[in-house]
Amino acid sequence: MPAIAIVTGSNTGIGRAAVFALAEKGFRVYATCRTPAKAQDLVDEAVRRRLQIQVVALDITDVAQCRQVVETIVAAEARIDVLVNNAGIGMMGAVEEVPMDKVHQQFATNVFGMLQLTQLVLPVMRKQRQGRIINISSVAGEMSVPGMGIYCASKFALEALSDALRIEVSGFGIHVSVVQPGPIETNFETASWGTPEDRPYDTEGPYAHVYQMIESSRRDFKRFSRPAQAVADVIAKAATARRPQSRYTVTLTAALTPLARKWLPDRLMDSMQIAMLRRFMPKT
């Protein structure tokens, strides 16, 4: 019987690539997304390549739906071997300006949704005395930057939960890994930044220079970005390695950021970011 994997946020980007990477390794993959109709190309590709992939509707912020999906999979397969917590959203904006409903939305998806699905899957993995939980974090889980404080906070929370969980479940044959991508060729940043009409903050207000820096950084990062497949390959490695690592980084940016955070004093890190920010401040 094939091993069973669940991948959340599967219709685009990293999630979609991870679904195929795991299926190519012989997993039967349950690919979850909020709107299965938007994943028809995934279904068509799975059929063409004769891979064991099933698309499942799931909003990870819906507790009842999470429970139903897990129960349905367990009833059909009697096991869950791998959970890839990939679903996430980004929320750009200065800390002062992001509306609280948007903050709650950010944490509902990136933290609480991930946590409740993990809590539902863990009893199954404990019973079978094995399992892999792979949480997709970000370089933003290592260092917070201006204009992305809310998003970074959600990834810091994911990192903290992963560290605690990894130790708690170590006696049950369950491994917990964090994957930290740097700049990746997906539409995630575009969706996070939004269009001028749907941005919940004033790009011409007191923090205009912060948003100008974000826009400039996005253009710079594109030069160093890697395809989603690079992350998917790492996810597949974490799912199949005999002794998976606690953390995997993807891209040079992701590898260097923790080192910089560890060895450079806060005062120097702050000075570097402030210097970048001043390039976009209005001349007085």
Protein backbone atom coordinates (compact mmCIF):
# COMPACT_ATOMS: atom_id res chain seq x y z
CA MET A 1 0.00 0.00 0.00
CA PRO A 2 1.28 3.49 -0.79
CA ALA A 3 2.11 5.95 1.96
CA ILE A 4 -0.48 8.69 2.45
CA ALA A 5 0.33 12.40 2.31
CA ILE A 6 -1.79 15.51 2.82
CA VAL A 7 -0.63 18.78 1.27
CA THR A 8 -2.54 21.98 2.05
CA GLY A 9 -2.72 24.96 -0.28
CA SER A 10 -2.16 22.74 -3.30
CA ASN A 11 -3.64 24.49 -6.30
CA THR A 12 -0.68 26.79 -7.05
CA GLY A 13 2.99 27.45 -6.39
CA ILE A 14 4.89 25.45 -3.80
CA GLY A 15 1.88 23.35 -2.80
CA ARG A 16 1.16 22.24 -6.34
CA ALA A 17 4.80 21.37 -6.98
CA ALA A 18 4.96 19.45 -3.68
CA VAL A 19 1.92 17.37 -4.60
CA PHE A 20 3.61 16.11 -7.75
CA ALA A 21 7.00 15.68 -6.07
CA LEU A 22 5.47 13.42 -3.42
CA ALA A 23 3.30 11.53 -5.90
CA GLU A 24 6.39 10.84 -8.01
CA LYS A 25 7.94 9.29 -4.89
CA GLY A 26 5.03 6.85 -4.67
CA PHE A 27 2.78 8.64 -2.19
CA ARG A 28 -0.97 8.77 -2.56
CA VAL A 29 -1.48 12.49 -2.12
CA TYR A 30 -4.57 14.29 -0.87
CA ALA A 31 -4.16 17.78 -2.30
CA THR A 32 -6.31 20.26 -0.40
CA CYS A 33 -7.38 23.70 -1.54
CA ARG A 34 -10.21 26.09 -0.78
CA THR A 35 -11.69 25.90 -4.28
CA PRO A 36 -11.17 22.55 -6.06
CA ALA A 37 -12.60 23.98 -9.29
CA LYS A 38 -9.44 26.09 -9.56
CA ALA A 39 -7.30 22.94 -9.36
CA GLN A 40 -8.69 21.25 -12.46
CA ASP A 41 -5.36 21.55 -14.24
CA LEU A 42 -3.76 19.70 -11.32
CA VAL A 43 -6.29 16.89 -11.72
CA ASP A 44 -5.73 16.74 -15.48
CA GLU A 45 -1.96 16.61 -15.03
CA ALA A 46 -2.26 13.86 -12.42
CA VAL A 47 -4.37 11.77 -14.80
CA ARG A 48 -1.95 12.35 -17.66
CA ARG A 49 1.01 11.26 -15.53
CA ARG A 50 -0.94 8.42 -13.87
CA LEU A 51 -0.20 9.66 -10.38
CA GLN A 52 -2.24 8.95 -7.26
CA ILE A 53 -3.54 12.42 -6.47
CA GLN A 54 -6.95 13.35 -5.12
CA VAL A 55 -8.08 16.96 -4.76
CA VAL A 56 -10.04 17.73 -1.59
CA ALA A 57 -11.89 20.92 -0.64
CA LEU A 58 -10.50 22.38 2.58
CA ASP A 59 -10.48 25.77 4.24
CA ILE A 60 -8.00 25.23 7.05
CA THR A 61 -9.62 27.99 9.10
CA ASP A 62 -12.81 25.87 9.26
CA VAL A 63 -12.44 23.52 12.24
CA ALA A 64 -15.38 21.30 11.28
CA GLN A 65 -14.14 20.92 7.71
CA CYS A 66 -10.63 20.05 8.91
CA ARG A 67 -12.04 17.35 11.15
CA GLN A 68 -14.23 15.97 8.36
CA VAL A 69 -11.33 15.80 5.88
CA VAL A 70 -9.06 13.97 8.33
CA GLU A 71 -11.81 11.52 9.29
CA THR A 72 -12.61 10.85 5.63
CA ILE A 73 -8.97 10.15 4.76
CA VAL A 74 -8.48 7.89 7.78
CA ALA A 75 -11.67 5.98 6.95
CA ALA A 76 -10.42 5.40 3.40
CA GLU A 77 -6.73 4.78 4.10
CA ALA A 78 -6.48 3.86 7.79
CA ARG A 79 -3.33 5.98 8.06
CA ILE A 80 -1.70 9.35 7.41
CA ASP A 81 2.06 9.30 6.91
CA VAL A 82 2.90 12.88 5.94
CA LEU A 83 1.25 16.24 6.56
CA VAL A 84 2.63 19.21 4.64
CA ASN A 85 1.32 22.44 6.16
CA ASN A 86 1.79 24.71 3.17
CA ALA A 87 -1.38 26.83 3.04
CA GLY A 88 -0.63 30.42 3.97
CA ILE A 89 -1.27 34.04 3.14
CA GLY A 90 0.90 37.15 3.31
CA MET A 91 -0.09 40.47 4.80
CA MET A 92 1.98 43.48 3.84
CA GLY A 93 1.73 46.72 5.77
CA ALA A 94 3.26 48.75 8.57
CA VAL A 95 2.29 47.37 11.97
CA GLU A 96 0.30 50.52 12.82
CA GLU A 97 -1.75 50.41 9.63
CA VAL A 98 -2.81 46.79 9.15
CA PRO A 99 -6.47 46.52 10.29
CA MET A 100 -7.06 44.04 13.11
CA ASP A 101 -9.45 41.96 11.02
CA LYS A 102 -6.59 41.44 8.56
CA VAL A 103 -4.25 40.53 11.42
CA HIS A 104 -6.73 37.90 12.63
CA GLN A 105 -7.05 36.60 9.08
CA GLN A 106 -3.26 36.28 8.84
CA PHE A 107 -2.96 34.25 12.03
CA ALA A 108 -6.11 32.22 11.38
CA THR A 109 -4.52 30.79 8.25
CA ASN A 110 -0.78 30.75 8.97
CA VAL A 111 -0.93 29.67 12.60
CA PHE A 112 -4.30 28.52 13.93
CA GLY A 113 -5.33 26.64 10.79
CA MET A 114 -1.98 24.88 10.61
CA LEU A 115 -2.17 24.07 14.32
CA GLN A 116 -5.69 22.65 14.32
CA LEU A 117 -5.01 20.40 11.32
CA THR A 118 -1.81 19.18 12.98
CA GLN A 119 -3.71 18.44 16.21
CA LEU A 120 -6.21 16.36 14.26
CA VAL A 121 -3.55 14.37 12.42
CA LEU A 122 -1.26 13.70 15.40
CA PRO A 123 -3.46 11.05 17.12
CA VAL A 124 -3.42 9.05 13.88
CA MET A 125 0.36 9.27 13.64
CA ARG A 126 0.83 8.41 17.32
CA LYS A 127 -1.33 5.32 16.92
CA GLN A 128 0.69 4.09 13.95
CA ARG A 129 3.94 5.11 15.73
CA GLN A 130 5.29 7.03 12.77
CA GLY A 131 4.69 10.13 10.69
CA ARG A 132 6.18 13.28 9.23
CA ILE A 133 4.92 16.82 9.73
CA ILE A 134 6.51 19.33 7.37
CA ASN A 135 5.74 22.98 8.06
CA ILE A 136 6.43 25.50 5.31
CA SER A 137 7.84 28.58 6.97
CA SER A 138 9.92 31.32 5.37
CA VAL A 139 13.10 33.29 5.75
CA ALA A 140 10.63 35.71 7.39
CA GLY A 141 10.45 33.25 10.28
CA GLU A 142 14.06 34.10 11.10
CA MET A 143 14.12 37.89 10.69
CA SER A 144 11.35 40.47 10.79
CA VAL A 145 11.50 43.33 8.30
CA PRO A 146 9.69 46.67 7.92
CA GLY A 147 6.34 46.46 6.18
CA MET A 148 5.98 42.73 6.84
CA GLY A 149 5.78 42.62 10.63
CA ILE A 150 2.41 40.86 10.78
CA TYR A 151 3.40 38.20 8.27
CA CYS A 152 6.79 37.70 9.95
CA ALA A 153 5.08 37.34 13.34
CA SER A 154 2.94 34.50 11.99
CA LYS A 155 6.02 32.71 10.68
CA PHE A 156 7.90 33.24 13.96
CA ALA A 157 4.92 31.57 15.67
CA LEU A 158 5.07 28.64 13.25
CA GLU A 159 8.78 28.23 13.97
CA ALA A 160 8.19 28.24 17.74
CA LEU A 161 5.36 25.71 17.53
CA SER A 162 7.47 23.46 15.31
CA ASP A 163 10.39 23.52 17.76
CA ALA A 164 8.20 22.55 20.71
CA LEU A 165 6.27 19.93 18.75
CA ARG A 166 9.42 18.29 17.39
CA ILE A 167 10.55 17.42 20.92
CA GLU A 168 7.09 16.52 22.22
CA VAL A 169 6.42 13.89 19.55
CA SER A 170 9.95 12.52 19.24
CA GLY A 171 9.06 9.50 21.38
CA PHE A 172 6.25 8.47 19.03
CA GLY A 173 8.30 8.01 15.87
CA ILE A 174 7.04 11.32 14.47
CA HIS A 175 9.44 13.78 12.86
CA VAL A 176 8.77 17.50 12.49
CA SER A 177 10.66 19.53 9.90
CA VAL A 178 10.51 23.18 8.92
CA VAL A 179 11.21 24.26 5.35
CA GLN A 180 12.37 27.86 4.99
CA PRO A 181 12.17 29.16 1.41
CA GLY A 182 13.75 32.42 0.37
CA PRO A 183 12.60 34.23 -2.80
CA ILE A 184 10.57 31.78 -4.90
CA GLU A 185 9.00 32.18 -8.33
CA THR A 186 5.32 32.13 -7.33
CA ASN A 187 2.53 34.69 -7.25
CA PHE A 188 2.64 34.76 -3.43
CA GLU A 189 4.33 38.14 -3.12
CA THR A 190 2.09 39.68 -5.76
CA ALA A 191 -0.99 38.38 -3.96
CA SER A 192 0.38 39.63 -0.62
CA TRP A 193 1.12 43.11 -1.95
CA GLY A 194 -2.24 43.32 -3.70
CA THR A 195 -3.53 45.89 -6.13
CA PRO A 196 -3.80 49.57 -5.20
CA GLU A 197 -7.57 49.12 -4.83
CA ASP A 198 -7.45 46.30 -2.28
CA ARG A 199 -4.51 47.36 -0.12
CA PRO A 200 -5.80 48.03 3.42
CA TYR A 201 -3.24 50.76 4.08
CA ASP A 202 -2.26 54.16 2.76
CA THR A 203 0.65 53.88 0.34
CA GLU A 204 0.87 57.67 0.26
CA GLY A 205 0.61 58.20 4.02
CA PRO A 206 3.22 58.40 6.79
CA TYR A 207 4.68 54.99 5.91
CA ALA A 208 4.89 55.58 2.16
CA HIS A 209 8.66 55.11 2.29
CA VAL A 210 8.18 51.65 3.83
CA TYR A 211 5.95 50.53 0.97
CA GLN A 212 8.33 52.00 -1.59
CA MET A 213 11.13 49.96 -0.05
CA ILE A 214 8.99 46.80 -0.21
CA GLU A 215 8.27 47.38 -3.88
CA SER A 216 11.96 47.93 -4.62
CA SER A 217 12.94 44.82 -2.64
CA ARG A 218 10.44 42.70 -4.55
CA ARG A 219 12.08 43.67 -7.83
CA ASP A 220 15.54 42.92 -6.43
CA PHE A 221 14.53 39.55 -5.01
CA LYS A 222 13.24 38.36 -8.37
CA ARG A 223 16.82 38.23 -9.60
CA PHE A 224 17.69 35.69 -6.90
CA SER A 225 14.46 33.68 -6.87
CA ARG A 226 14.22 29.97 -7.59
CA PRO A 227 11.33 27.92 -8.98
CA ALA A 228 8.73 26.33 -6.71
CA GLN A 229 10.11 22.94 -7.74
CA ALA A 230 13.24 23.66 -5.68
CA VAL A 231 11.10 23.82 -2.54
CA ALA A 232 9.05 20.79 -3.60
CA ASP A 233 12.22 18.72 -3.95
CA VAL A 234 13.22 19.64 -0.40
CA ILE A 235 9.74 18.74 0.88
CA ALA A 236 10.02 15.33 -0.80
CA LYS A 237 13.43 14.87 0.81
CA ALA A 238 12.05 15.72 4.26
CA ALA A 239 9.21 13.26 3.69
CA THR A 240 11.45 10.35 2.72
CA ALA A 241 14.81 10.85 4.46
CA ARG A 242 15.70 8.21 7.04
CA ARG A 243 16.73 10.95 9.46
CA PRO A 244 15.05 14.19 8.36
CA GLN A 245 16.57 17.49 9.40
CA SER A 246 14.76 19.83 11.76
CA ARG A 247 15.20 22.67 9.24
CA TYR A 248 15.79 22.92 5.53
CA THR A 249 16.60 26.17 3.75
CA VAL A 250 15.93 26.89 0.09
CA THR A 251 17.90 29.67 -1.67
CA LEU A 252 21.08 31.37 -0.52
CA THR A 253 19.07 34.18 1.09
CA ALA A 254 17.31 31.70 3.36
CA ALA A 255 20.60 30.03 4.29
CA LEU A 256 22.44 33.26 5.12
CA THR A 257 19.67 35.06 7.04
CA PRO A 258 19.82 32.86 10.19
CA LEU A 259 23.61 33.24 10.25
CA ALA A 260 23.35 37.02 10.01
CA ARG A 261 20.70 37.06 12.72
CA LYS A 262 22.86 34.90 14.98
CA TRP A 263 26.19 36.66 14.60
CA LEU A 264 25.37 40.30 13.92
CA PRO A 265 24.25 42.45 16.88
CA ASP A 266 20.76 43.96 16.83
CA ARG A 267 22.16 47.47 16.63
CA LEU A 268 24.02 46.63 13.41
CA MET A 269 21.04 44.81 11.88
CA ASP A 270 18.80 47.77 12.71
CA SER A 271 21.29 50.22 11.24
CA MET A 272 21.46 48.28 7.98
CA GLN A 273 17.67 48.23 7.60
CA ILE A 274 17.29 51.88 8.59
CA ALA A 275 19.91 52.83 6.01
CA MET A 276 17.91 51.01 3.33
CA LEU A 277 14.72 52.69 4.48
CA ARG A 278 16.23 56.17 4.38
CA ARG A 279 16.78 55.84 0.64
CA PHE A 280 13.00 56.14 0.24
CA MET A 281 12.25 58.80 2.85
CA PRO A 282 11.25 62.23 1.54
CA LYS A 283 13.97 64.85 1.57
CA THR A 284 13.42 67.55 4.19
